[in-house]
């Protein structure tokens, strides 16, 4: 996949293309349907399958008080896009000037003239241009005028309602990790660089890998059954993760601590992805480090049993 981080970089490199447009935060199942449709159209006509997204989210510029918390890093989004067949991505820096571009100018000047777009695939709630004045009907009219085809994909529903980034945020915020998995088509994951902890775990309980997450949406504090992946090597492990403030040790800062259930060879990973599969319990204060350690081993046994079951039902996760 080729990623362009400015309009100037993408000019002359992007088309002819089939294109989808959006923020794609979460890259949930509805987003994935758009990516796959783009890939199919592009393959049939020998175009490039492409996506246009924005950084930051437009709401951070035009309505910062209402800006949503970020579900996924761009690295996570790009990985899902590539798996669905997208080959080119333009991350368009969003600023006040871009927010004031009219719908017609956005389509004519950027999508058609600069990016050589031949087909556009969007959802039925797609809006574009200054004050979101453009909708799917205007996009279809502009397609007829400017020579591209418009493909409007209907909403995708689940047992929880229409799949959306908002619904994913709600599921994660409630700690409903199975619900989040069904909306995303994969477990919700936190990614980040390994950071130095307080060293208490290695001395008094169990050693852990600690991360500073690159995303803003976190589940409630507590203990979670997880799967951990080394982002710089082909290594992954069953794990259990505590998101909390270490009350047994009078901690006051939120930490994310992951204990690997499987041994690993070689160096400690520098960056990991922690996939949150199931919430086990609330975080609580224990009377001693020994009592906490006893509970951790109970949690570990529960996690090991869970991983054995899931490995049989959904081996693709392993």
C-alpha atoms as a PDB file:
ATOM      1  CA  UNK A   1       0.000   0.000   0.000  1.00  0.00           C
ATOM      2  CA  UNK A   2       1.161   3.516  -0.835  1.00  0.00           C
ATOM      3  CA  UNK A   3       0.236   6.298   1.580  1.00  0.00           C
ATOM      4  CA  UNK A   4       0.324   9.970   0.622  1.00  0.00           C
ATOM      5  CA  UNK A   5       0.180  12.590   3.341  1.00  0.00           C
ATOM      6  CA  UNK A   6      -0.438  15.672   1.236  1.00  0.00           C
ATOM      7  CA  UNK A   7      -2.398  16.697  -1.811  1.00  0.00           C
ATOM      8  CA  UNK A   8       0.811  17.653  -3.624  1.00  0.00           C
ATOM      9  CA  UNK A   9       2.356  14.203  -3.081  1.00  0.00           C
ATOM     10  CA  UNK A  10      -0.695  12.442  -4.506  1.00  0.00           C
ATOM     11  CA  UNK A  11      -1.069  14.486  -7.706  1.00  0.00           C
ATOM     12  CA  UNK A  12      -0.129  12.444 -10.722  1.00  0.00           C
ATOM     13  CA  UNK A  13       0.278   9.284  -8.603  1.00  0.00           C
ATOM     14  CA  UNK A  14      -3.262   8.402  -7.648  1.00  0.00           C
ATOM     15  CA  UNK A  15      -5.374   7.538 -10.645  1.00  0.00           C
ATOM     16  CA  UNK A  16      -7.271   6.550 -12.567  1.00  0.00           C
ATOM     17  CA  UNK A  17      -8.920   5.158  -9.459  1.00  0.00           C
ATOM     18  CA  UNK A  18     -12.023   3.860  -7.794  1.00  0.00           C
ATOM     19  CA  UNK A  19     -12.277   5.794  -4.559  1.00  0.00           C
ATOM     20  CA  UNK A  20     -14.024   5.752  -1.213  1.00  0.00           C
ATOM     21  CA  UNK A  21     -14.030   8.788   1.084  1.00  0.00           C
ATOM     22  CA  UNK A  22     -14.407   9.046   4.846  1.00  0.00           C
ATOM     23  CA  UNK A  23     -12.743   9.181   8.234  1.00  0.00           C
ATOM     24  CA  UNK A  24     -12.996   5.388   8.644  1.00  0.00           C
ATOM     25  CA  UNK A  25     -12.325   5.547  12.373  1.00  0.00           C
ATOM     26  CA  UNK A  26     -12.621   1.999  13.655  1.00  0.00           C
ATOM     27  CA  UNK A  27     -12.552   0.493  10.148  1.00  0.00           C
ATOM     28  CA  UNK A  28     -15.606  -1.531  11.188  1.00  0.00           C
ATOM     29  CA  UNK A  29     -17.574  -3.962   9.017  1.00  0.00           C
ATOM     30  CA  UNK A  30     -19.467  -1.192   7.191  1.00  0.00           C
ATOM     31  CA  UNK A  31     -16.180   0.505   6.266  1.00  0.00           C
ATOM     32  CA  UNK A  32     -14.759  -2.823   5.142  1.00  0.00           C
ATOM     33  CA  UNK A  33     -17.721  -3.308   2.798  1.00  0.00           C
ATOM     34  CA  UNK A  34     -16.846   0.012   1.110  1.00  0.00           C
ATOM     35  CA  UNK A  35     -13.194  -0.985   0.733  1.00  0.00           C
ATOM     36  CA  UNK A  36     -14.081  -4.335  -0.820  1.00  0.00           C
ATOM     37  CA  UNK A  37     -16.531  -2.737  -3.266  1.00  0.00           C
ATOM     38  CA  UNK A  38     -13.830  -0.281  -4.344  1.00  0.00           C
ATOM     39  CA  UNK A  39     -11.405  -3.172  -4.875  1.00  0.00           C
ATOM     40  CA  UNK A  40     -13.941  -5.062  -6.993  1.00  0.00           C
ATOM     41  CA  UNK A  41     -14.713  -2.041  -9.183  1.00  0.00           C
ATOM     42  CA  UNK A  42     -11.056  -1.238  -9.649  1.00  0.00           C
ATOM     43  CA  UNK A  43     -10.120  -4.793 -10.553  1.00  0.00           C
ATOM     44  CA  UNK A  44     -12.912  -5.035 -13.138  1.00  0.00           C
ATOM     45  CA  UNK A  45     -11.764  -1.866 -14.937  1.00  0.00           C
ATOM     46  CA  UNK A  46      -8.018  -1.935 -14.308  1.00  0.00           C
ATOM     47  CA  UNK A  47      -8.136   1.126 -12.036  1.00  0.00           C
ATOM     48  CA  UNK A  48      -6.358   1.691  -8.743  1.00  0.00           C
ATOM     49  CA  UNK A  49      -8.377   0.902  -5.579  1.00  0.00           C
ATOM     50  CA  UNK A  50      -8.001   3.963  -3.357  1.00  0.00           C
ATOM     51  CA  UNK A  51      -9.255   5.739  -0.250  1.00  0.00           C
ATOM     52  CA  UNK A  52      -9.314   9.397   0.761  1.00  0.00           C
ATOM     53  CA  UNK A  53      -9.333  10.211   4.457  1.00  0.00           C
ATOM     54  CA  UNK A  54      -8.601  13.221   6.657  1.00  0.00           C
ATOM     55  CA  UNK A  55      -6.285  14.158   9.489  1.00  0.00           C
ATOM     56  CA  UNK A  56      -7.402  15.399  11.891  1.00  0.00           C
ATOM     57  CA  UNK A  57     -11.074  14.421  11.954  1.00  0.00           C
ATOM     58  CA  UNK A  58     -12.956  17.421  10.478  1.00  0.00           C
ATOM     59  CA  UNK A  59     -14.850  17.913  13.737  1.00  0.00           C
ATOM     60  CA  UNK A  60     -11.587  18.852  15.478  1.00  0.00           C
ATOM     61  CA  UNK A  61     -11.410  21.869  13.146  1.00  0.00           C
ATOM     62  CA  UNK A  62     -15.030  22.967  12.715  1.00  0.00           C
ATOM     63  CA  UNK A  63     -16.568  21.842  16.039  1.00  0.00           C
ATOM     64  CA  UNK A  64     -13.815  20.810  18.471  1.00  0.00           C
ATOM     65  CA  UNK A  65     -16.182  20.582  21.442  1.00  0.00           C
ATOM     66  CA  UNK A  66     -18.044  17.803  19.615  1.00  0.00           C
ATOM     67  CA  UNK A  67     -15.047  15.991  18.159  1.00  0.00           C
ATOM     68  CA  UNK A  68     -15.270  12.213  18.733  1.00  0.00           C
ATOM     69  CA  UNK A  69     -12.562  10.295  20.541  1.00  0.00           C
ATOM     70  CA  UNK A  70     -10.279   8.360  18.212  1.00  0.00           C
ATOM     71  CA  UNK A  71     -10.994   4.621  18.063  1.00  0.00           C
ATOM     72  CA  UNK A  72      -8.059   3.487  15.932  1.00  0.00           C
ATOM     73  CA  UNK A  73      -4.656   4.816  14.966  1.00  0.00           C
ATOM     74  CA  UNK A  74      -4.054   5.393  11.279  1.00  0.00           C
ATOM     75  CA  UNK A  75      -1.635   2.446  11.285  1.00  0.00           C
ATOM     76  CA  UNK A  76      -4.502   0.187  12.374  1.00  0.00           C
ATOM     77  CA  UNK A  77      -6.824   1.644   9.734  1.00  0.00           C
ATOM     78  CA  UNK A  78      -4.235   1.188   6.992  1.00  0.00           C
ATOM     79  CA  UNK A  79      -3.743  -2.469   7.918  1.00  0.00           C
ATOM     80  CA  UNK A  80      -7.466  -3.175   7.540  1.00  0.00           C
ATOM     81  CA  UNK A  81      -7.693  -1.177   4.300  1.00  0.00           C
ATOM     82  CA  UNK A  82      -4.825  -3.152   2.794  1.00  0.00           C
ATOM     83  CA  UNK A  83      -6.402  -6.453   3.837  1.00  0.00           C
ATOM     84  CA  UNK A  84      -9.590  -5.403   2.000  1.00  0.00           C
ATOM     85  CA  UNK A  85      -7.724  -4.563  -1.220  1.00  0.00           C
ATOM     86  CA  UNK A  86      -7.035  -0.818  -0.982  1.00  0.00           C
ATOM     87  CA  UNK A  87      -3.698   0.063  -2.600  1.00  0.00           C
ATOM     88  CA  UNK A  88      -3.532   3.879  -2.387  1.00  0.00           C
ATOM     89  CA  UNK A  89      -4.481   6.139   0.508  1.00  0.00           C
ATOM     90  CA  UNK A  90      -4.416   9.924   0.626  1.00  0.00           C
ATOM     91  CA  UNK A  91      -4.491  11.408   4.121  1.00  0.00           C
ATOM     92  CA  UNK A  92      -5.642  14.938   3.358  1.00  0.00           C
ATOM     93  CA  UNK A  93      -4.679  17.455   6.073  1.00  0.00           C
ATOM     94  CA  UNK A  94      -7.951  19.010   7.183  1.00  0.00           C
ATOM     95  CA  UNK A  95      -7.941  22.729   7.961  1.00  0.00           C
ATOM     96  CA  UNK A  96     -10.271  25.726   7.822  1.00  0.00           C
ATOM     97  CA  UNK A  97      -9.490  26.369   4.153  1.00  0.00           C
ATOM     98  CA  UNK A  98     -10.510  22.847   3.194  1.00  0.00           C
ATOM     99  CA  UNK A  99     -13.642  23.098   5.352  1.00  0.00           C
ATOM    100  CA  UNK A 100     -14.773  26.088   3.247  1.00  0.00           C
ATOM    101  CA  UNK A 101     -14.460  24.339  -0.132  1.00  0.00           C
ATOM    102  CA  UNK A 102     -17.852  23.996  -1.812  1.00  0.00           C
ATOM    103  CA  UNK A 103     -19.177  20.526  -2.643  1.00  0.00           C
ATOM    104  CA  UNK A 104     -18.790  21.157  -6.375  1.00  0.00           C
ATOM    105  CA  UNK A 105     -15.200  22.381  -6.057  1.00  0.00           C
ATOM    106  CA  UNK A 106     -14.280  19.468  -3.797  1.00  0.00           C
ATOM    107  CA  UNK A 107     -15.497  16.960  -6.359  1.00  0.00           C
ATOM    108  CA  UNK A 108     -14.341  18.731  -9.512  1.00  0.00           C
ATOM    109  CA  UNK A 109     -10.972  20.105  -8.397  1.00  0.00           C
ATOM    110  CA  UNK A 110      -9.800  17.428  -5.973  1.00  0.00           C
ATOM    111  CA  UNK A 111     -11.523  14.167  -6.832  1.00  0.00           C
ATOM    112  CA  UNK A 112     -11.761  14.446 -10.617  1.00  0.00           C
ATOM    113  CA  UNK A 113      -9.067  16.840 -11.841  1.00  0.00           C
ATOM    114  CA  UNK A 114      -6.327  15.995  -9.319  1.00  0.00           C
ATOM    115  CA  UNK A 115      -6.982  12.397  -8.306  1.00  0.00           C
ATOM    116  CA  UNK A 116      -8.500  11.204 -11.625  1.00  0.00           C
ATOM    117  CA  UNK A 117     -11.377   9.448  -9.913  1.00  0.00           C
ATOM    118  CA  UNK A 118     -13.490   7.242 -12.168  1.00  0.00           C
ATOM    119  CA  UNK A 119     -15.839   5.758  -9.552  1.00  0.00           C
ATOM    120  CA  UNK A 120     -16.811   6.838  -6.034  1.00  0.00           C
ATOM    121  CA  UNK A 121     -18.135   4.408  -3.417  1.00  0.00           C
ATOM    122  CA  UNK A 122     -19.724   5.875  -0.274  1.00  0.00           C
ATOM    123  CA  UNK A 123     -22.381   5.062   2.300  1.00  0.00           C
ATOM    124  CA  UNK A 124     -25.914   6.422   2.107  1.00  0.00           C
ATOM    125  CA  UNK A 125     -25.203   8.955   4.863  1.00  0.00           C
ATOM    126  CA  UNK A 126     -22.220  10.518   3.088  1.00  0.00           C
ATOM    127  CA  UNK A 127     -21.925  14.331   3.283  1.00  0.00           C
ATOM    128  CA  UNK A 128     -19.211  16.533   1.835  1.00  0.00           C
ATOM    129  CA  UNK A 129     -18.165  20.104   1.185  1.00  0.00           C
ATOM    130  CA  UNK A 130     -18.716  23.343   3.104  1.00  0.00           C
ATOM    131  CA  UNK A 131     -21.203  22.899   5.961  1.00  0.00           C
ATOM    132  CA  UNK A 132     -21.863  19.336   4.737  1.00  0.00           C
ATOM    133  CA  UNK A 133     -24.006  20.793   1.954  1.00  0.00           C
ATOM    134  CA  UNK A 134     -23.283  17.910  -0.433  1.00  0.00           C
ATOM    135  CA  UNK A 135     -25.098  14.585  -0.186  1.00  0.00           C
ATOM    136  CA  UNK A 136     -25.381  11.400  -2.207  1.00  0.00           C
ATOM    137  CA  UNK A 137     -27.920  12.963  -4.589  1.00  0.00           C
ATOM    138  CA  UNK A 138     -25.608  15.866  -5.467  1.00  0.00           C
ATOM    139  CA  UNK A 139     -22.702  13.430  -5.791  1.00  0.00           C
ATOM    140  CA  UNK A 140     -24.663  11.374  -8.316  1.00  0.00           C
ATOM    141  CA  UNK A 141     -25.547  14.520 -10.307  1.00  0.00           C
ATOM    142  CA  UNK A 142     -21.909  15.610 -10.349  1.00  0.00           C
ATOM    143  CA  UNK A 143     -20.910  12.147 -11.488  1.00  0.00           C
ATOM    144  CA  UNK A 144     -23.118  12.433 -14.547  1.00  0.00           C
ATOM    145  CA  UNK A 145     -21.753  15.904 -15.270  1.00  0.00           C
ATOM    146  CA  UNK A 146     -18.082  15.204 -14.630  1.00  0.00           C
ATOM    147  CA  UNK A 147     -17.813  11.630 -15.861  1.00  0.00           C
ATOM    148  CA  UNK A 148     -17.519   9.289 -12.877  1.00  0.00           C
ATOM    149  CA  UNK A 149     -19.858   6.608 -11.617  1.00  0.00           C
ATOM    150  CA  UNK A 150     -21.414   6.855  -8.152  1.00  0.00           C
ATOM    151  CA  UNK A 151     -22.048   3.797  -6.006  1.00  0.00           C
ATOM    152  CA  UNK A 152     -24.096   4.265  -2.840  1.00  0.00           C
ATOM    153  CA  UNK A 153     -23.843   1.422  -0.360  1.00  0.00           C
ATOM    154  CA  UNK A 154     -26.726   0.880   2.097  1.00  0.00           C
ATOM    155  CA  UNK A 155     -26.178   0.826   5.827  1.00  0.00           C
ATOM    156  CA  UNK A 156     -25.103  -2.487   7.337  1.00  0.00           C
ATOM    157  CA  UNK A 157     -27.028  -3.590  10.389  1.00  0.00           C
ATOM    158  CA  UNK A 158     -26.223  -5.951  13.215  1.00  0.00           C
ATOM    159  CA  UNK A 159     -28.156  -7.310  16.176  1.00  0.00           C
ATOM    160  CA  UNK A 160     -27.224  -4.041  17.901  1.00  0.00           C
ATOM    161  CA  UNK A 161     -28.467  -1.714  15.141  1.00  0.00           C
ATOM    162  CA  UNK A 162     -26.779   0.081  12.264  1.00  0.00           C
ATOM    163  CA  UNK A 163     -23.020  -0.447  12.407  1.00  0.00           C
ATOM    164  CA  UNK A 164     -21.225   2.846  12.972  1.00  0.00           C
ATOM    165  CA  UNK A 165     -18.172   4.313  14.678  1.00  0.00           C
ATOM    166  CA  UNK A 166     -20.486   5.750  17.330  1.00  0.00           C
ATOM    167  CA  UNK A 167     -21.832   2.286  18.119  1.00  0.00           C
ATOM    168  CA  UNK A 168     -18.277   0.912  18.395  1.00  0.00           C
ATOM    169  CA  UNK A 169     -17.378   3.692  20.854  1.00  0.00           C
ATOM    170  CA  UNK A 170     -20.433   2.832  22.925  1.00  0.00           C
ATOM    171  CA  UNK A 171     -19.598  -0.881  22.995  1.00  0.00           C
ATOM    172  CA  UNK A 172     -15.994  -0.296  24.068  1.00  0.00           C
ATOM    173  CA  UNK A 173     -17.022   2.339  26.614  1.00  0.00           C
ATOM    174  CA  UNK A 174     -19.341  -0.186  28.262  1.00  0.00           C
ATOM    175  CA  UNK A 175     -16.719  -2.929  28.263  1.00  0.00           C
ATOM    176  CA  UNK A 176     -18.828  -5.039  25.890  1.00  0.00           C
ATOM    177  CA  UNK A 177     -15.918  -6.526  24.026  1.00  0.00           C
ATOM    178  CA  UNK A 178     -17.875  -9.323  22.315  1.00  0.00           C
ATOM    179  CA  UNK A 179     -20.201  -6.668  20.876  1.00  0.00           C
ATOM    180  CA  UNK A 180     -17.217  -4.613  19.700  1.00  0.00           C
ATOM    181  CA  UNK A 181     -15.726  -7.719  18.047  1.00  0.00           C
ATOM    182  CA  UNK A 182     -18.945  -8.346  16.117  1.00  0.00           C
ATOM    183  CA  UNK A 183     -19.087  -4.727  14.904  1.00  0.00           C
ATOM    184  CA  UNK A 184     -15.431  -4.623  13.895  1.00  0.00           C
ATOM    185  CA  UNK A 185     -15.049  -8.155  12.545  1.00  0.00           C
ATOM    186  CA  UNK A 186     -12.027  -8.495  14.855  1.00  0.00           C
ATOM    187  CA  UNK A 187     -11.283  -7.805  18.532  1.00  0.00           C
ATOM    188  CA  UNK A 188     -10.938  -4.183  19.570  1.00  0.00           C
ATOM    189  CA  UNK A 189      -7.236  -3.464  20.027  1.00  0.00           C
ATOM    190  CA  UNK A 190      -4.989  -0.978  21.765  1.00  0.00           C
ATOM    191  CA  UNK A 191      -1.587  -0.309  20.248  1.00  0.00           C
ATOM    192  CA  UNK A 192       1.404   1.460  21.673  1.00  0.00           C
ATOM    193  CA  UNK A 193       5.062   1.488  22.526  1.00  0.00           C
ATOM    194  CA  UNK A 194       6.305  -0.422  25.538  1.00  0.00           C
ATOM    195  CA  UNK A 195       6.964   1.954  28.427  1.00  0.00           C
ATOM    196  CA  UNK A 196       8.758   1.447  31.721  1.00  0.00           C
ATOM    197  CA  UNK A 197       6.450   0.627  34.604  1.00  0.00           C
ATOM    198  CA  UNK A 198       7.082   0.937  38.316  1.00  0.00           C
ATOM    199  CA  UNK A 199       8.797  -2.456  38.540  1.00  0.00           C
ATOM    200  CA  UNK A 200       6.364  -3.592  41.211  1.00  0.00           C
ATOM    201  CA  UNK A 201       4.940  -6.386  39.081  1.00  0.00           C
ATOM    202  CA  UNK A 202       8.287  -8.042  38.440  1.00  0.00           C
ATOM    203  CA  UNK A 203       9.164  -7.869  42.134  1.00  0.00           C
ATOM    204  CA  UNK A 204       5.886  -8.618  43.920  1.00  0.00           C
ATOM    205  CA  UNK A 205       3.262 -10.070  41.550  1.00  0.00           C
ATOM    206  CA  UNK A 206       3.928 -11.005  37.902  1.00  0.00           C
ATOM    207  CA  UNK A 207       5.985  -9.225  35.207  1.00  0.00           C
ATOM    208  CA  UNK A 208       3.980  -7.265  32.652  1.00  0.00           C
ATOM    209  CA  UNK A 209       4.379  -5.278  29.448  1.00  0.00           C
ATOM    210  CA  UNK A 210       3.069  -1.732  29.839  1.00  0.00           C
ATOM    211  CA  UNK A 211       1.945   0.501  26.957  1.00  0.00           C
ATOM    212  CA  UNK A 212       0.852   4.054  26.308  1.00  0.00           C
ATOM    213  CA  UNK A 213      -2.054   3.592  23.861  1.00  0.00           C
ATOM    214  CA  UNK A 214      -2.193   5.503  20.595  1.00  0.00           C
ATOM    215  CA  UNK A 215      -5.999   5.617  20.644  1.00  0.00           C
ATOM    216  CA  UNK A 216      -8.385   7.618  22.824  1.00  0.00           C
ATOM    217  CA  UNK A 217     -11.271   5.191  23.355  1.00  0.00           C
ATOM    218  CA  UNK A 218     -10.648   2.940  26.345  1.00  0.00           C
ATOM    219  CA  UNK A 219     -12.921   0.368  27.992  1.00  0.00           C
ATOM    220  CA  UNK A 220     -13.815   0.637  31.695  1.00  0.00           C
ATOM    221  CA  UNK A 221     -11.038  -0.075  34.153  1.00  0.00           C
ATOM    222  CA  UNK A 222     -10.718  -3.756  34.926  1.00  0.00           C
ATOM    223  CA  UNK A 223      -9.159  -7.053  33.890  1.00  0.00           C
ATOM    224  CA  UNK A 224      -9.512  -8.347  30.328  1.00  0.00           C
ATOM    225  CA  UNK A 225      -8.664 -11.551  28.502  1.00  0.00           C
ATOM    226  CA  UNK A 226      -6.458 -10.455  25.622  1.00  0.00           C
ATOM    227  CA  UNK A 227      -4.311 -11.530  22.712  1.00  0.00           C
ATOM    228  CA  UNK A 228      -1.021  -9.650  22.250  1.00  0.00           C
ATOM    229  CA  UNK A 229       0.858  -9.157  18.992  1.00  0.00           C
ATOM    230  CA  UNK A 230       4.376  -7.860  18.396  1.00  0.00           C
ATOM    231  CA  UNK A 231       3.980  -5.072  15.826  1.00  0.00           C
ATOM    232  CA  UNK A 232       7.566  -5.419  14.609  1.00  0.00           C
ATOM    233  CA  UNK A 233       7.811  -9.202  14.302  1.00  0.00           C
ATOM    234  CA  UNK A 234       5.622 -12.193  13.542  1.00  0.00           C
ATOM    235  CA  UNK A 235       4.973 -13.091  17.174  1.00  0.00           C
ATOM    236  CA  UNK A 236       1.780 -13.242  19.214  1.00  0.00           C
ATOM    237  CA  UNK A 237       0.756 -14.557  22.606  1.00  0.00           C
ATOM    238  CA  UNK A 238      -2.302 -15.303  24.701  1.00  0.00           C
ATOM    239  CA  UNK A 239      -2.416 -12.755  27.507  1.00  0.00           C
ATOM    240  CA  UNK A 240      -4.405 -11.054  30.232  1.00  0.00           C
ATOM    241  CA  UNK A 241      -4.464  -7.281  30.698  1.00  0.00           C
ATOM    242  CA  UNK A 242      -5.260  -4.925  33.542  1.00  0.00           C
ATOM    243  CA  UNK A 243      -6.477  -1.424  32.723  1.00  0.00           C
ATOM    244  CA  UNK A 244      -6.511   0.605  35.899  1.00  0.00           C
ATOM    245  CA  UNK A 245      -4.684   2.525  38.598  1.00  0.00           C
ATOM    246  CA  UNK A 246      -3.096  -0.244  40.690  1.00  0.00           C
ATOM    247  CA  UNK A 247      -5.111   0.451  43.863  1.00  0.00           C
ATOM    248  CA  UNK A 248      -3.312  -2.297  45.819  1.00  0.00           C
ATOM    249  CA  UNK A 249      -0.183  -0.154  45.483  1.00  0.00           C
ATOM    250  CA  UNK A 250      -2.030   3.179  45.923  1.00  0.00           C
ATOM    251  CA  UNK A 251      -1.516   4.115  42.297  1.00  0.00           C
ATOM    252  CA  UNK A 252      -3.197   7.201  40.877  1.00  0.00           C
ATOM    253  CA  UNK A 253      -2.237   7.087  37.177  1.00  0.00           C
ATOM    254  CA  UNK A 254      -4.009   4.947  34.610  1.00  0.00           C
ATOM    255  CA  UNK A 255      -1.844   2.110  33.354  1.00  0.00           C
ATOM    256  CA  UNK A 256      -2.316  -0.696  30.824  1.00  0.00           C
ATOM    257  CA  UNK A 257      -0.382  -3.773  31.955  1.00  0.00           C
ATOM    258  CA  UNK A 258      -0.316  -7.006  29.965  1.00  0.00           C
ATOM    259  CA  UNK A 259       0.860 -10.369  31.295  1.00  0.00           C
ATOM    260  CA  UNK A 260       1.784 -12.864  28.582  1.00  0.00           C
ATOM    261  CA  UNK A 261       0.492 -16.379  29.206  1.00  0.00           C
ATOM    262  CA  UNK A 262       2.972 -17.886  26.751  1.00  0.00           C
ATOM    263  CA  UNK A 263       6.772 -17.588  26.995  1.00  0.00           C
ATOM    264  CA  UNK A 264       8.598 -15.640  24.323  1.00  0.00           C
ATOM    265  CA  UNK A 265      12.103 -15.934  22.963  1.00  0.00           C
ATOM    266  CA  UNK A 266      14.315 -13.059  21.968  1.00  0.00           C
ATOM    267  CA  UNK A 267      14.060  -9.414  22.857  1.00  0.00           C
ATOM    268  CA  UNK A 268      11.155  -7.764  24.616  1.00  0.00           C
ATOM    269  CA  UNK A 269       8.891  -6.280  21.927  1.00  0.00           C
ATOM    270  CA  UNK A 270       9.154  -2.522  21.382  1.00  0.00           C
ATOM    271  CA  UNK A 271       5.557  -2.008  20.200  1.00  0.00           C
ATOM    272  CA  UNK A 272       2.565  -4.249  20.756  1.00  0.00           C
ATOM    273  CA  UNK A 273      -1.100  -4.556  19.885  1.00  0.00           C
ATOM    274  CA  UNK A 274      -3.342  -5.760  22.704  1.00  0.00           C
ATOM    275  CA  UNK A 275      -6.616  -7.258  21.435  1.00  0.00           C
ATOM    276  CA  UNK A 276      -9.346  -7.047  24.077  1.00  0.00           C
ATOM    277  CA  UNK A 277     -11.461 -10.183  23.846  1.00  0.00           C
ATOM    278  CA  UNK A 278     -13.480 -10.394  27.062  1.00  0.00           C
ATOM    279  CA  UNK A 279     -13.885  -8.446  30.293  1.00  0.00           C
ATOM    280  CA  UNK A 280     -13.161 -10.615  33.356  1.00  0.00           C
ATOM    281  CA  UNK A 281     -13.761  -8.401  36.383  1.00  0.00           C
ATOM    282  CA  UNK A 282     -13.476  -4.941  37.894  1.00  0.00           C
ATOM    283  CA  UNK A 283     -10.173  -3.770  39.236  1.00  0.00           C
ATOM    284  CA  UNK A 284     -10.142  -3.897  43.036  1.00  0.00           C
ATOM    285  CA  UNK A 285      -7.833  -3.182  45.940  1.00  0.00           C
ATOM    286  CA  UNK A 286      -6.383  -6.269  47.663  1.00  0.00           C
ATOM    287  CA  UNK A 287      -5.121  -6.416  51.213  1.00  0.00           C
ATOM    288  CA  UNK A 288      -1.633  -7.424  50.104  1.00  0.00           C
ATOM    289  CA  UNK A 289       0.491  -8.069  47.005  1.00  0.00           C
ATOM    290  CA  UNK A 290       0.275 -11.784  47.789  1.00  0.00           C
ATOM    291  CA  UNK A 291      -3.526 -11.691  47.676  1.00  0.00           C
ATOM    292  CA  UNK A 292      -3.367  -9.833  44.366  1.00  0.00           C
ATOM    293  CA  UNK A 293      -0.935 -12.410  42.980  1.00  0.00           C
ATOM    294  CA  UNK A 294      -3.305 -15.227  43.990  1.00  0.00           C
ATOM    295  CA  UNK A 295      -6.157 -13.477  42.143  1.00  0.00           C
ATOM    296  CA  UNK A 296      -3.971 -12.930  39.091  1.00  0.00           C
ATOM    297  CA  UNK A 297      -3.322 -16.654  38.835  1.00  0.00           C
ATOM    298  CA  UNK A 298      -7.078 -17.299  39.093  1.00  0.00           C
ATOM    299  CA  UNK A 299      -7.568 -14.806  36.264  1.00  0.00           C
ATOM    300  CA  UNK A 300      -4.831 -16.542  34.277  1.00  0.00           C
ATOM    301  CA  UNK A 301      -6.531 -19.935  34.615  1.00  0.00           C
ATOM    302  CA  UNK A 302      -9.793 -18.399  33.440  1.00  0.00           C
ATOM    303  CA  UNK A 303      -8.043 -16.757  30.493  1.00  0.00           C
ATOM    304  CA  UNK A 304      -6.313 -19.974  29.470  1.00  0.00           C
ATOM    305  CA  UNK A 305      -9.632 -21.834  29.442  1.00  0.00           C
ATOM    306  CA  UNK A 306     -11.202 -19.050  27.367  1.00  0.00           C
ATOM    307  CA  UNK A 307      -8.364 -19.083  24.818  1.00  0.00           C
ATOM    308  CA  UNK A 308      -8.662 -22.865  24.432  1.00  0.00           C
ATOM    309  CA  UNK A 309     -12.374 -22.515  23.643  1.00  0.00           C
ATOM    310  CA  UNK A 310     -11.966 -19.629  21.219  1.00  0.00           C
ATOM    311  CA  UNK A 311      -9.056 -21.327  19.435  1.00  0.00           C
ATOM    312  CA  UNK A 312     -11.495 -24.125  18.573  1.00  0.00           C
ATOM    313  CA  UNK A 313     -14.366 -21.825  17.537  1.00  0.00           C
ATOM    314  CA  UNK A 314     -12.414 -19.070  15.756  1.00  0.00           C
ATOM    315  CA  UNK A 315      -8.945 -20.356  14.878  1.00  0.00           C
ATOM    316  CA  UNK A 316      -8.415 -17.341  12.581  1.00  0.00           C
ATOM    317  CA  UNK A 317      -7.862 -15.198  15.672  1.00  0.00           C
ATOM    318  CA  UNK A 318      -4.830 -17.298  16.550  1.00  0.00           C
END
